[in-house]
Amino acid sequence: DFSYEMTTMLSVDERETMRQAVVDDRTEWLTELLSEQIDDPS
């Protein structure tokens, strides 16, 4: 998301924290999607 790169008022660490929060959110969504769509536990 390019908007996260445009937050010039934030420090590098703060921007990285924001990006990681988005990654974590999408990871949670993906994990739930996999649990719903894959029936074979093996």
PDB file of all heavy atoms in Angstrom:
ATOM      1  N   ASP A   1       0.868  -1.178   0.000  1.00  0.00           N
ATOM      2  CA  ASP A   1       0.000   0.000   0.000  1.00  0.00           C
ATOM      3  C   ASP A   1       0.904   1.227   0.000  1.00  0.00           C
ATOM      4  O   ASP A   1       1.613   1.489   0.979  1.00  0.00           O
ATOM      5  CB  ASP A   1      -0.909   0.000   1.237  1.00  0.00           C
ATOM      6  CG  ASP A   1      -1.963   1.101   1.168  1.00  0.00           C
ATOM      7  OD1 ASP A   1      -1.713   2.121   0.490  1.00  0.00           O
ATOM      8  OD2 ASP A   1      -3.021   0.955   1.800  1.00  0.00           O
ATOM      9  N   PHE A   2       0.885   1.957  -1.104  1.00  0.00           N
ATOM     10  CA  PHE A   2       1.793   3.093  -1.258  1.00  0.00           C
ATOM     11  C   PHE A   2       1.556   4.166  -0.204  1.00  0.00           C
ATOM     12  O   PHE A   2       2.469   4.923   0.146  1.00  0.00           O
ATOM     13  CB  PHE A   2       1.636   3.696  -2.660  1.00  0.00           C
ATOM     14  CG  PHE A   2       2.637   4.763  -2.971  1.00  0.00           C
ATOM     15  CD1 PHE A   2       3.994   4.467  -3.106  1.00  0.00           C
ATOM     16  CD2 PHE A   2       2.235   6.086  -3.125  1.00  0.00           C
ATOM     17  CE1 PHE A   2       4.922   5.452  -3.388  1.00  0.00           C
ATOM     18  CE2 PHE A   2       3.148   7.080  -3.408  1.00  0.00           C
ATOM     19  CZ  PHE A   2       4.497   6.764  -3.542  1.00  0.00           C
ATOM     20  N   SER A   3       0.349   4.228   0.322  1.00  0.00           N
ATOM     21  CA  SER A   3       0.048   5.278   1.313  1.00  0.00           C
ATOM     22  C   SER A   3       0.909   5.131   2.561  1.00  0.00           C
ATOM     23  O   SER A   3       1.215   6.126   3.225  1.00  0.00           O
ATOM     24  CB  SER A   3      -1.440   5.238   1.685  1.00  0.00           C
ATOM     25  OG  SER A   3      -1.761   4.012   2.326  1.00  0.00           O
ATOM     26  N   TYR A   4       1.325   3.909   2.873  1.00  0.00           N
ATOM     27  CA  TYR A   4       2.166   3.712   4.034  1.00  0.00           C
ATOM     28  C   TYR A   4       3.581   4.242   3.807  1.00  0.00           C
ATOM     29  O   TYR A   4       4.305   4.521   4.757  1.00  0.00           O
ATOM     30  CB  TYR A   4       2.220   2.230   4.414  1.00  0.00           C
ATOM     31  CG  TYR A   4       0.950   1.745   5.066  1.00  0.00           C
ATOM     32  CD1 TYR A   4      -0.092   1.241   4.302  1.00  0.00           C
ATOM     33  CD2 TYR A   4       0.781   1.824   6.443  1.00  0.00           C
ATOM     34  CE1 TYR A   4      -1.267   0.811   4.885  1.00  0.00           C
ATOM     35  CE2 TYR A   4      -0.399   1.401   7.048  1.00  0.00           C
ATOM     36  CZ  TYR A   4      -1.417   0.897   6.259  1.00  0.00           C
ATOM     37  OH  TYR A   4      -2.588   0.481   6.848  1.00  0.00           O
ATOM     38  N   GLU A   5       3.980   4.362   2.562  1.00  0.00           N
ATOM     39  CA  GLU A   5       5.298   4.909   2.257  1.00  0.00           C
ATOM     40  C   GLU A   5       5.275   6.434   2.246  1.00  0.00           C
ATOM     41  O   GLU A   5       6.323   7.075   2.208  1.00  0.00           O
ATOM     42  CB  GLU A   5       5.770   4.403   0.882  1.00  0.00           C
ATOM     43  CG  GLU A   5       5.702   2.900   0.702  1.00  0.00           C
ATOM     44  CD  GLU A   5       6.604   2.155   1.669  1.00  0.00           C
ATOM     45  OE1 GLU A   5       7.577   2.752   2.154  1.00  0.00           O
ATOM     46  OE2 GLU A   5       6.321   0.974   1.939  1.00  0.00           O
ATOM     47  N   MET A   6       4.076   7.019   2.252  1.00  0.00           N
ATOM     48  CA  MET A   6       3.945   8.478   2.151  1.00  0.00           C
ATOM     49  C   MET A   6       3.787   9.153   3.510  1.00  0.00           C
ATOM     50  O   MET A   6       3.619  10.354   3.585  1.00  0.00           O
ATOM     51  CB  MET A   6       2.722   8.816   1.273  1.00  0.00           C
ATOM     52  CG  MET A   6       2.847   8.308  -0.158  1.00  0.00           C
ATOM     53  SD  MET A   6       4.213   9.075  -1.039  1.00  0.00           S
ATOM     54  CE  MET A   6       3.572  10.754  -1.190  1.00  0.00           C
ATOM     55  N   THR A   7       3.812   8.359   4.553  1.00  0.00           N
ATOM     56  CA  THR A   7       3.648   8.934   5.894  1.00  0.00           C
ATOM     57  C   THR A   7       4.973   9.531   6.363  1.00  0.00           C
ATOM     58  O   THR A   7       5.646   9.018   7.258  1.00  0.00           O
ATOM     59  CB  THR A   7       3.165   7.854   6.885  1.00  0.00           C
ATOM     60  OG1 THR A   7       4.048   6.726   6.785  1.00  0.00           O
ATOM     61  CG2 THR A   7       1.754   7.419   6.564  1.00  0.00           C
ATOM     62  N   THR A   8       5.358  10.639   5.738  1.00  0.00           N
ATOM     63  CA  THR A   8       6.680  11.232   5.975  1.00  0.00           C
ATOM     64  C   THR A   8       6.821  11.814   7.382  1.00  0.00           C
ATOM     65  O   THR A   8       7.935  12.027   7.847  1.00  0.00           O
ATOM     66  CB  THR A   8       6.945  12.335   4.951  1.00  0.00           C
ATOM     67  OG1 THR A   8       5.862  13.279   4.979  1.00  0.00           O
ATOM     68  CG2 THR A   8       7.061  11.747   3.549  1.00  0.00           C
ATOM     69  N   MET A   9       5.694  12.077   8.024  1.00  0.00           N
ATOM     70  CA  MET A   9       5.774  12.635   9.379  1.00  0.00           C
ATOM     71  C   MET A   9       6.181  11.578  10.398  1.00  0.00           C
ATOM     72  O   MET A   9       6.561  11.901  11.523  1.00  0.00           O
ATOM     73  CB  MET A   9       4.427  13.260   9.776  1.00  0.00           C
ATOM     74  CG  MET A   9       4.040  14.465   8.924  1.00  0.00           C
ATOM     75  SD  MET A   9       2.455  15.171   9.420  1.00  0.00           S
ATOM     76  CE  MET A   9       2.827  15.688  11.109  1.00  0.00           C
ATOM     77  N   LEU A  10       6.093  10.312   9.997  1.00  0.00           N
ATOM     78  CA  LEU A  10       6.451   9.244  10.914  1.00  0.00           C
ATOM     79  C   LEU A  10       7.906   8.841  10.731  1.00  0.00           C
ATOM     80  O   LEU A  10       8.489   9.002   9.649  1.00  0.00           O
ATOM     81  CB  LEU A  10       5.559   8.027  10.674  1.00  0.00           C
ATOM     82  CG  LEU A  10       4.051   8.244  10.857  1.00  0.00           C
ATOM     83  CD1 LEU A  10       3.299   6.978  10.493  1.00  0.00           C
ATOM     84  CD2 LEU A  10       3.727   8.675  12.283  1.00  0.00           C
ATOM     85  N   SER A  11       8.481   8.281  11.753  1.00  0.00           N
ATOM     86  CA  SER A  11       9.851   7.791  11.669  1.00  0.00           C
ATOM     87  C   SER A  11       9.888   6.476  10.884  1.00  0.00           C
ATOM     88  O   SER A  11       8.848   5.862  10.631  1.00  0.00           O
ATOM     89  CB  SER A  11      10.417   7.565  13.065  1.00  0.00           C
ATOM     90  OG  SER A  11       9.740   6.486  13.696  1.00  0.00           O
ATOM     91  N   VAL A  12      11.083   6.051  10.518  1.00  0.00           N
ATOM     92  CA  VAL A  12      11.236   4.782   9.821  1.00  0.00           C
ATOM     93  C   VAL A  12      10.683   3.643  10.662  1.00  0.00           C
ATOM     94  O   VAL A  12       9.986   2.754  10.146  1.00  0.00           O
ATOM     95  CB  VAL A  12      12.721   4.536   9.489  1.00  0.00           C
ATOM     96  CG1 VAL A  12      12.903   3.139   8.909  1.00  0.00           C
ATOM     97  CG2 VAL A  12      13.232   5.583   8.513  1.00  0.00           C
ATOM     98  N   ASP A  13      10.975   3.648  11.947  1.00  0.00           N
ATOM     99  CA  ASP A  13      10.481   2.590  12.834  1.00  0.00           C
ATOM    100  C   ASP A  13       8.964   2.582  12.916  1.00  0.00           C
ATOM    101  O   ASP A  13       8.337   1.518  12.947  1.00  0.00           O
ATOM    102  CB  ASP A  13      11.080   2.753  14.237  1.00  0.00           C
ATOM    103  CG  ASP A  13      12.558   2.407  14.277  1.00  0.00           C
ATOM    104  OD1 ASP A  13      13.029   1.751  13.326  1.00  0.00           O
ATOM    105  OD2 ASP A  13      13.233   2.797  15.245  1.00  0.00           O
ATOM    106  N   GLU A  14       8.369   3.781  12.956  1.00  0.00           N
ATOM    107  CA  GLU A  14       6.910   3.855  13.045  1.00  0.00           C
ATOM    108  C   GLU A  14       6.256   3.350  11.758  1.00  0.00           C
ATOM    109  O   GLU A  14       5.230   2.655  11.810  1.00  0.00           O
ATOM    110  CB  GLU A  14       6.488   5.300  13.323  1.00  0.00           C
ATOM    111  CG  GLU A  14       6.796   5.758  14.750  1.00  0.00           C
ATOM    112  CD  GLU A  14       6.548   7.237  14.953  1.00  0.00           C
ATOM    113  OE1 GLU A  14       6.802   8.023  14.004  1.00  0.00           O
ATOM    114  OE2 GLU A  14       6.118   7.624  16.058  1.00  0.00           O
ATOM    115  N   ARG A  15       6.851   3.700  10.614  1.00  0.00           N
ATOM    116  CA  ARG A  15       6.313   3.195   9.355  1.00  0.00           C
ATOM    117  C   ARG A  15       6.442   1.675   9.273  1.00  0.00           C
ATOM    118  O   ARG A  15       5.539   0.986   8.804  1.00  0.00           O
ATOM    119  CB  ARG A  15       7.028   3.854   8.159  1.00  0.00           C
ATOM    120  CG  ARG A  15       6.641   5.298   7.926  1.00  0.00           C
ATOM    121  CD  ARG A  15       6.967   5.737   6.502  1.00  0.00           C
ATOM    122  NE  ARG A  15       8.391   5.700   6.229  1.00  0.00           N
ATOM    123  CZ  ARG A  15       9.238   6.696   6.477  1.00  0.00           C
ATOM    124  NH1 ARG A  15       8.774   7.824   7.033  1.00  0.00           N
ATOM    125  NH2 ARG A  15      10.517   6.599   6.185  1.00  0.00           N
ATOM    126  N   GLU A  16       7.562   1.152   9.755  1.00  0.00           N
ATOM    127  CA  GLU A  16       7.757  -0.292   9.757  1.00  0.00           C
ATOM    128  C   GLU A  16       6.737  -0.974  10.665  1.00  0.00           C
ATOM    129  O   GLU A  16       6.212  -2.044  10.340  1.00  0.00           O
ATOM    130  CB  GLU A  16       9.174  -0.630  10.203  1.00  0.00           C
ATOM    131  CG  GLU A  16       9.464  -2.126  10.301  1.00  0.00           C
ATOM    132  CD  GLU A  16       9.226  -2.867   9.008  1.00  0.00           C
ATOM    133  OE1 GLU A  16       9.454  -2.280   7.936  1.00  0.00           O
ATOM    134  OE2 GLU A  16       8.793  -4.034   9.067  1.00  0.00           O
ATOM    135  N   THR A  17       6.433  -0.355  11.787  1.00  0.00           N
ATOM    136  CA  THR A  17       5.438  -0.907  12.703  1.00  0.00           C
ATOM    137  C   THR A  17       4.060  -0.952  12.045  1.00  0.00           C
ATOM    138  O   THR A  17       3.318  -1.933  12.176  1.00  0.00           O
ATOM    139  CB  THR A  17       5.369  -0.066  13.987  1.00  0.00           C
ATOM    140  OG1 THR A  17       6.636  -0.098  14.644  1.00  0.00           O
ATOM    141  CG2 THR A  17       4.299  -0.604  14.933  1.00  0.00           C
ATOM    142  N   MET A  18       3.740   0.115  11.302  1.00  0.00           N
ATOM    143  CA  MET A  18       2.454   0.152  10.600  1.00  0.00           C
ATOM    144  C   MET A  18       2.384  -0.935   9.532  1.00  0.00           C
ATOM    145  O   MET A  18       1.376  -1.632   9.405  1.00  0.00           O
ATOM    146  CB  MET A  18       2.247   1.528   9.968  1.00  0.00           C
ATOM    147  CG  MET A  18       2.033   2.659  10.969  1.00  0.00           C
ATOM    148  SD  MET A  18       1.873   4.267  10.164  1.00  0.00           S
ATOM    149  CE  MET A  18       0.367   4.051   9.243  1.00  0.00           C
ATOM    150  N   ARG A  19       3.465  -1.076   8.771  1.00  0.00           N
ATOM    151  CA  ARG A  19       3.489  -2.112   7.729  1.00  0.00           C
ATOM    152  C   ARG A  19       3.351  -3.502   8.343  1.00  0.00           C
ATOM    153  O   ARG A  19       2.614  -4.353   7.828  1.00  0.00           O
ATOM    154  CB  ARG A  19       4.785  -2.027   6.919  1.00  0.00           C
ATOM    155  CG  ARG A  19       4.844  -0.854   5.959  1.00  0.00           C
ATOM    156  CD  ARG A  19       5.976  -1.034   4.952  1.00  0.00           C
ATOM    157  NE  ARG A  19       7.272  -0.959   5.583  1.00  0.00           N
ATOM    158  CZ  ARG A  19       8.006   0.143   5.698  1.00  0.00           C
ATOM    159  NH1 ARG A  19       7.545   1.292   5.218  1.00  0.00           N
ATOM    160  NH2 ARG A  19       9.185   0.118   6.274  1.00  0.00           N
ATOM    161  N   GLN A  20       4.056  -3.732   9.455  1.00  0.00           N
ATOM    162  CA  GLN A  20       3.990  -5.037  10.099  1.00  0.00           C
ATOM    163  C   GLN A  20       2.593  -5.336  10.620  1.00  0.00           C
ATOM    164  O   GLN A  20       2.140  -6.490  10.585  1.00  0.00           O
ATOM    165  CB  GLN A  20       5.012  -5.115  11.247  1.00  0.00           C
ATOM    166  CG  GLN A  20       5.168  -6.508  11.829  1.00  0.00           C
ATOM    167  CD  GLN A  20       5.592  -7.527  10.795  1.00  0.00           C
ATOM    168  OE1 GLN A  20       6.537  -7.287  10.045  1.00  0.00           O
ATOM    169  NE2 GLN A  20       4.900  -8.664  10.728  1.00  0.00           N
ATOM    170  N   ALA A  21       1.900  -4.284  11.079  1.00  0.00           N
ATOM    171  CA  ALA A  21       0.529  -4.477  11.553  1.00  0.00           C
ATOM    172  C   ALA A  21      -0.379  -4.939  10.415  1.00  0.00           C
ATOM    173  O   ALA A  21      -1.247  -5.803  10.600  1.00  0.00           O
ATOM    174  CB  ALA A  21      -0.004  -3.177  12.154  1.00  0.00           C
ATOM    175  N   VAL A  22      -0.171  -4.374   9.222  1.00  0.00           N
ATOM    176  CA  VAL A  22      -0.951  -4.791   8.060  1.00  0.00           C
ATOM    177  C   VAL A  22      -0.619  -6.233   7.684  1.00  0.00           C
ATOM    178  O   VAL A  22      -1.502  -7.038   7.396  1.00  0.00           O
ATOM    179  CB  VAL A  22      -0.693  -3.851   6.861  1.00  0.00           C
ATOM    180  CG1 VAL A  22      -1.468  -4.337   5.635  1.00  0.00           C
ATOM    181  CG2 VAL A  22      -1.093  -2.426   7.202  1.00  0.00           C
ATOM    182  N   VAL A  23       0.674  -6.571   7.695  1.00  0.00           N
ATOM    183  CA  VAL A  23       1.100  -7.935   7.376  1.00  0.00           C
ATOM    184  C   VAL A  23       0.489  -8.922   8.367  1.00  0.00           C
ATOM    185  O   VAL A  23      -0.014  -9.986   7.975  1.00  0.00           O
ATOM    186  CB  VAL A  23       2.640  -8.049   7.393  1.00  0.00           C
ATOM    187  CG1 VAL A  23       3.078  -9.507   7.312  1.00  0.00           C
ATOM    188  CG2 VAL A  23       3.238  -7.250   6.240  1.00  0.00           C
ATOM    189  N   ASP A  24       0.510  -8.570   9.648  1.00  0.00           N
ATOM    190  CA  ASP A  24      -0.068  -9.457  10.671  1.00  0.00           C
ATOM    191  C   ASP A  24      -1.561  -9.653  10.462  1.00  0.00           C
ATOM    192  O   ASP A  24      -2.081 -10.768  10.621  1.00  0.00           O
ATOM    193  CB  ASP A  24       0.197  -8.881  12.068  1.00  0.00           C
ATOM    194  CG  ASP A  24       1.665  -8.921  12.446  1.00  0.00           C
ATOM    195  OD1 ASP A  24       2.422  -9.663  11.796  1.00  0.00           O
ATOM    196  OD2 ASP A  24       2.056  -8.203  13.396  1.00  0.00           O
ATOM    197  N   ASP A  25      -2.248  -8.560  10.102  1.00  0.00           N
ATOM    198  CA  ASP A  25      -3.691  -8.651   9.867  1.00  0.00           C
ATOM    199  C   ASP A  25      -3.990  -9.567   8.686  1.00  0.00           C
ATOM    200  O   ASP A  25      -4.893 -10.408   8.742  1.00  0.00           O
ATOM    201  CB  ASP A  25      -4.252  -7.249   9.608  1.00  0.00           C
ATOM    202  CG  ASP A  25      -5.742  -7.283   9.290  1.00  0.00           C
ATOM    203  OD1 ASP A  25      -6.540  -7.514  10.219  1.00  0.00           O
ATOM    204  OD2 ASP A  25      -6.099  -7.089   8.111  1.00  0.00           O
ATOM    205  N   ARG A  26      -3.231  -9.417   7.596  1.00  0.00           N
ATOM    206  CA  ARG A  26      -3.430 -10.253   6.413  1.00  0.00           C
ATOM    207  C   ARG A  26      -3.035 -11.709   6.685  1.00  0.00           C
ATOM    208  O   ARG A  26      -3.646 -12.635   6.139  1.00  0.00           O
ATOM    209  CB  ARG A  26      -2.628  -9.710   5.236  1.00  0.00           C
ATOM    210  CG  ARG A  26      -3.106  -8.371   4.708  1.00  0.00           C
ATOM    211  CD  ARG A  26      -4.336  -8.541   3.812  1.00  0.00           C
ATOM    212  NE  ARG A  26      -5.598  -8.652   4.558  1.00  0.00           N
ATOM    213  CZ  ARG A  26      -6.757  -8.993   4.032  1.00  0.00           C
ATOM    214  NH1 ARG A  26      -6.811  -9.312   2.745  1.00  0.00           N
ATOM    215  NH2 ARG A  26      -7.835  -9.049   4.762  1.00  0.00           N
ATOM    216  N   THR A  27      -2.039 -11.904   7.527  1.00  0.00           N
ATOM    217  CA  THR A  27      -1.641 -13.262   7.892  1.00  0.00           C
ATOM    218  C   THR A  27      -2.761 -13.955   8.660  1.00  0.00           C
ATOM    219  O   THR A  27      -3.040 -15.146   8.428  1.00  0.00           O
ATOM    220  CB  THR A  27      -0.357 -13.247   8.724  1.00  0.00           C
ATOM    221  OG1 THR A  27       0.694 -12.603   7.977  1.00  0.00           O
ATOM    222  CG2 THR A  27       0.091 -14.650   9.084  1.00  0.00           C
ATOM    223  N   GLU A  28      -3.389 -13.223   9.540  1.00  0.00           N
ATOM    224  CA  GLU A  28      -4.519 -13.787  10.294  1.00  0.00           C
ATOM    225  C   GLU A  28      -5.664 -14.142   9.347  1.00  0.00           C
ATOM    226  O   GLU A  28      -6.275 -15.212   9.466  1.00  0.00           O
ATOM    227  CB  GLU A  28      -4.988 -12.778  11.342  1.00  0.00           C
ATOM    228  CG  GLU A  28      -6.127 -13.293  12.212  1.00  0.00           C
ATOM    229  CD  GLU A  28      -6.549 -12.289  13.268  1.00  0.00           C
ATOM    230  OE1 GLU A  28      -5.824 -11.288  13.476  1.00  0.00           O
ATOM    231  OE2 GLU A  28      -7.620 -12.495  13.877  1.00  0.00           O
ATOM    232  N   TRP A  29      -5.952 -13.239   8.390  1.00  0.00           N
ATOM    233  CA  TRP A  29      -7.004 -13.527   7.399  1.00  0.00           C
ATOM    234  C   TRP A  29      -6.663 -14.763   6.590  1.00  0.00           C
ATOM    235  O   TRP A  29      -7.516 -15.622   6.356  1.00  0.00           O
ATOM    236  CB  TRP A  29      -7.155 -12.319   6.473  1.00  0.00           C
ATOM    237  CG  TRP A  29      -8.025 -12.587   5.272  1.00  0.00           C
ATOM    238  CD1 TRP A  29      -9.384 -12.558   5.228  1.00  0.00           C
ATOM    239  CD2 TRP A  29      -7.583 -12.949   3.954  1.00  0.00           C
ATOM    240  NE1 TRP A  29      -9.829 -12.880   3.957  1.00  0.00           N
ATOM    241  CE2 TRP A  29      -8.745 -13.124   3.153  1.00  0.00           C
ATOM    242  CE3 TRP A  29      -6.332 -13.142   3.368  1.00  0.00           C
ATOM    243  CZ2 TRP A  29      -8.675 -13.479   1.805  1.00  0.00           C
ATOM    244  CZ3 TRP A  29      -6.267 -13.502   2.022  1.00  0.00           C
ATOM    245  CH2 TRP A  29      -7.421 -13.664   1.262  1.00  0.00           C
ATOM    246  N   LEU A  30      -5.410 -14.877   6.166  1.00  0.00           N
ATOM    247  CA  LEU A  30      -4.997 -16.009   5.337  1.00  0.00           C
ATOM    248  C   LEU A  30      -5.056 -17.309   6.125  1.00  0.00           C
ATOM    249  O   LEU A  30      -5.494 -18.341   5.599  1.00  0.00           O
ATOM    250  CB  LEU A  30      -3.580 -15.772   4.805  1.00  0.00           C
ATOM    251  CG  LEU A  30      -2.978 -16.868   3.924  1.00  0.00           C
ATOM    252  CD1 LEU A  30      -3.890 -17.211   2.760  1.00  0.00           C
ATOM    253  CD2 LEU A  30      -1.606 -16.444   3.416  1.00  0.00           C
ATOM    254  N   THR A  31      -4.654 -17.273   7.371  1.00  0.00           N
ATOM    255  CA  THR A  31      -4.694 -18.475   8.208  1.00  0.00           C
ATOM    256  C   THR A  31      -6.131 -18.969   8.384  1.00  0.00           C
ATOM    257  O   THR A  31      -6.404 -20.173   8.311  1.00  0.00           O
ATOM    258  CB  THR A  31      -4.063 -18.183   9.575  1.00  0.00           C
ATOM    259  OG1 THR A  31      -2.711 -17.733   9.390  1.00  0.00           O
ATOM    260  CG2 THR A  31      -4.055 -19.431  10.451  1.00  0.00           C
ATOM    261  N   GLU A  32      -7.063 -18.030   8.595  1.00  0.00           N
ATOM    262  CA  GLU A  32      -8.471 -18.398   8.731  1.00  0.00           C
ATOM    263  C   GLU A  32      -9.011 -18.966   7.419  1.00  0.00           C
ATOM    264  O   GLU A  32      -9.772 -19.943   7.410  1.00  0.00           O
ATOM    265  CB  GLU A  32      -9.296 -17.177   9.150  1.00  0.00           C
ATOM    266  CG  GLU A  32      -9.017 -16.704  10.572  1.00  0.00           C
ATOM    267  CD  GLU A  32      -9.808 -15.457  10.931  1.00  0.00           C
ATOM    268  OE1 GLU A  32     -10.571 -14.972  10.059  1.00  0.00           O
ATOM    269  OE2 GLU A  32      -9.662 -14.967  12.066  1.00  0.00           O
ATOM    270  N   LEU A  33      -8.595 -18.350   6.299  1.00  0.00           N
ATOM    271  CA  LEU A  33      -9.049 -18.834   4.989  1.00  0.00           C
ATOM    272  C   LEU A  33      -8.588 -20.273   4.760  1.00  0.00           C
ATOM    273  O   LEU A  33      -9.352 -21.106   4.285  1.00  0.00           O
ATOM    274  CB  LEU A  33      -8.519 -17.906   3.894  1.00  0.00           C
ATOM    275  CG  LEU A  33      -8.936 -18.217   2.453  1.00  0.00           C
ATOM    276  CD1 LEU A  33      -9.151 -16.934   1.666  1.00  0.00           C
ATOM    277  CD2 LEU A  33      -7.882 -19.075   1.749  1.00  0.00           C
ATOM    278  N   LEU A  34      -7.346 -20.559   5.110  1.00  0.00           N
ATOM    279  CA  LEU A  34      -6.825 -21.913   4.929  1.00  0.00           C
ATOM    280  C   LEU A  34      -7.579 -22.921   5.784  1.00  0.00           C
ATOM    281  O   LEU A  34      -7.878 -24.033   5.335  1.00  0.00           O
ATOM    282  CB  LEU A  34      -5.329 -21.948   5.264  1.00  0.00           C
ATOM    283  CG  LEU A  34      -4.404 -21.145   4.342  1.00  0.00           C
ATOM    284  CD1 LEU A  34      -2.975 -21.184   4.861  1.00  0.00           C
ATOM    285  CD2 LEU A  34      -4.464 -21.680   2.917  1.00  0.00           C
ATOM    286  N   SER A  35      -7.880 -22.543   7.008  1.00  0.00           N
ATOM    287  CA  SER A  35      -8.596 -23.460   7.896  1.00  0.00           C
ATOM    288  C   SER A  35     -10.005 -23.743   7.387  1.00  0.00           C
ATOM    289  O   SER A  35     -10.546 -24.832   7.596  1.00  0.00           O
ATOM    290  CB  SER A  35      -8.663 -22.884   9.310  1.00  0.00           C
ATOM    291  OG  SER A  35      -9.452 -21.702   9.345  1.00  0.00           O
ATOM    292  N   GLU A  36     -10.597 -22.786   6.670  1.00  0.00           N
ATOM    293  CA  GLU A  36     -11.944 -22.953   6.144  1.00  0.00           C
ATOM    294  C   GLU A  36     -11.961 -23.776   4.854  1.00  0.00           C
ATOM    295  O   GLU A  36     -12.914 -24.510   4.600  1.00  0.00           O
ATOM    296  CB  GLU A  36     -12.575 -21.579   5.878  1.00  0.00           C
ATOM    297  CG  GLU A  36     -12.853 -20.763   7.132  1.00  0.00           C
ATOM    298  CD  GLU A  36     -13.245 -19.336   6.803  1.00  0.00           C
ATOM    299  OE1 GLU A  36     -13.250 -18.981   5.588  1.00  0.00           O
ATOM    300  OE2 GLU A  36     -13.536 -18.565   7.740  1.00  0.00           O
ATOM    301  N   GLN A  37     -10.923 -23.636   4.039  1.00  0.00           N
ATOM    302  CA  GLN A  37     -10.959 -24.222   2.697  1.00  0.00           C
ATOM    303  C   GLN A  37     -10.159 -25.515   2.554  1.00  0.00           C
ATOM    304  O   GLN A  37     -10.237 -26.166   1.514  1.00  0.00           O
ATOM    305  CB  GLN A  37     -10.473 -23.186   1.669  1.00  0.00           C
ATOM    306  CG  GLN A  37     -11.359 -21.963   1.613  1.00  0.00           C
ATOM    307  CD  GLN A  37     -11.123 -21.107   0.384  1.00  0.00           C
ATOM    308  OE1 GLN A  37     -10.484 -21.519  -0.581  1.00  0.00           O
ATOM    309  NE2 GLN A  37     -11.657 -19.899   0.410  1.00  0.00           N
ATOM    310  N   ILE A  38      -9.411 -25.899   3.571  1.00  0.00           N
ATOM    311  CA  ILE A  38      -8.656 -27.154   3.497  1.00  0.00           C
ATOM    312  C   ILE A  38      -9.200 -28.120   4.532  1.00  0.00           C
ATOM    313  O   ILE A  38      -9.071 -27.899   5.742  1.00  0.00           O
ATOM    314  CB  ILE A  38      -7.148 -26.911   3.711  1.00  0.00           C
ATOM    315  CG1 ILE A  38      -6.621 -26.013   2.589  1.00  0.00           C
ATOM    316  CG2 ILE A  38      -6.389 -28.232   3.743  1.00  0.00           C
ATOM    317  CD1 ILE A  38      -5.169 -25.697   2.683  1.00  0.00           C
ATOM    318  N   ASP A  39      -9.808 -29.185   4.060  1.00  0.00           N
ATOM    319  CA  ASP A  39     -10.462 -30.145   4.948  1.00  0.00           C
ATOM    320  C   ASP A  39      -9.518 -31.247   5.417  1.00  0.00           C
ATOM    321  O   ASP A  39      -9.770 -31.886   6.437  1.00  0.00           O
ATOM    322  CB  ASP A  39     -11.662 -30.791   4.237  1.00  0.00           C
ATOM    323  CG  ASP A  39     -12.716 -29.763   3.835  1.00  0.00           C
ATOM    324  OD1 ASP A  39     -12.892 -28.785   4.589  1.00  0.00           O
ATOM    325  OD2 ASP A  39     -13.332 -29.933   2.766  1.00  0.00           O
ATOM    326  N   ASP A  40      -8.466 -31.500   4.658  1.00  0.00           N
ATOM    327  CA  ASP A  40      -7.578 -32.624   4.958  1.00  0.00           C
ATOM    328  C   ASP A  40      -6.485 -32.195   5.937  1.00  0.00           C
ATOM    329  O   ASP A  40      -5.562 -31.460   5.572  1.00  0.00           O
ATOM    330  CB  ASP A  40      -6.944 -33.131   3.668  1.00  0.00           C
ATOM    331  CG  ASP A  40      -6.138 -34.409   3.872  1.00  0.00           C
ATOM    332  OD1 ASP A  40      -5.934 -34.799   5.036  1.00  0.00           O
ATOM    333  OD2 ASP A  40      -5.723 -35.013   2.860  1.00  0.00           O
ATOM    334  N   PRO A  41      -6.548 -32.631   7.186  1.00  0.00           N
ATOM    335  CA  PRO A  41      -5.548 -32.222   8.185  1.00  0.00           C
ATOM    336  C   PRO A  41      -4.163 -32.800   7.916  1.00  0.00           C
ATOM    337  O   PRO A  41      -3.169 -32.342   8.495  1.00  0.00           O
ATOM    338  CB  PRO A  41      -6.124 -32.760   9.496  1.00  0.00           C
ATOM    339  CG  PRO A  41      -7.000 -33.902   9.090  1.00  0.00           C
ATOM    340  CD  PRO A  41      -7.562 -33.524   7.761  1.00  0.00           C
ATOM    341  N   SER A  42      -4.079 -33.799   7.046  1.00  0.00           N
ATOM    342  CA  SER A  42      -2.787 -34.411   6.768  1.00  0.00           C
ATOM    343  C   SER A  42      -1.944 -33.571   5.809  1.00  0.00           C
ATOM    344  O   SER A  42      -0.739 -33.799   5.666  1.00  0.00           O
ATOM    345  CB  SER A  42      -2.973 -35.816   6.183  1.00  0.00           C
ATOM    346  OG  SER A  42      -3.576 -35.753   4.899  1.00  0.00           O
TER     347      SER A  42
END
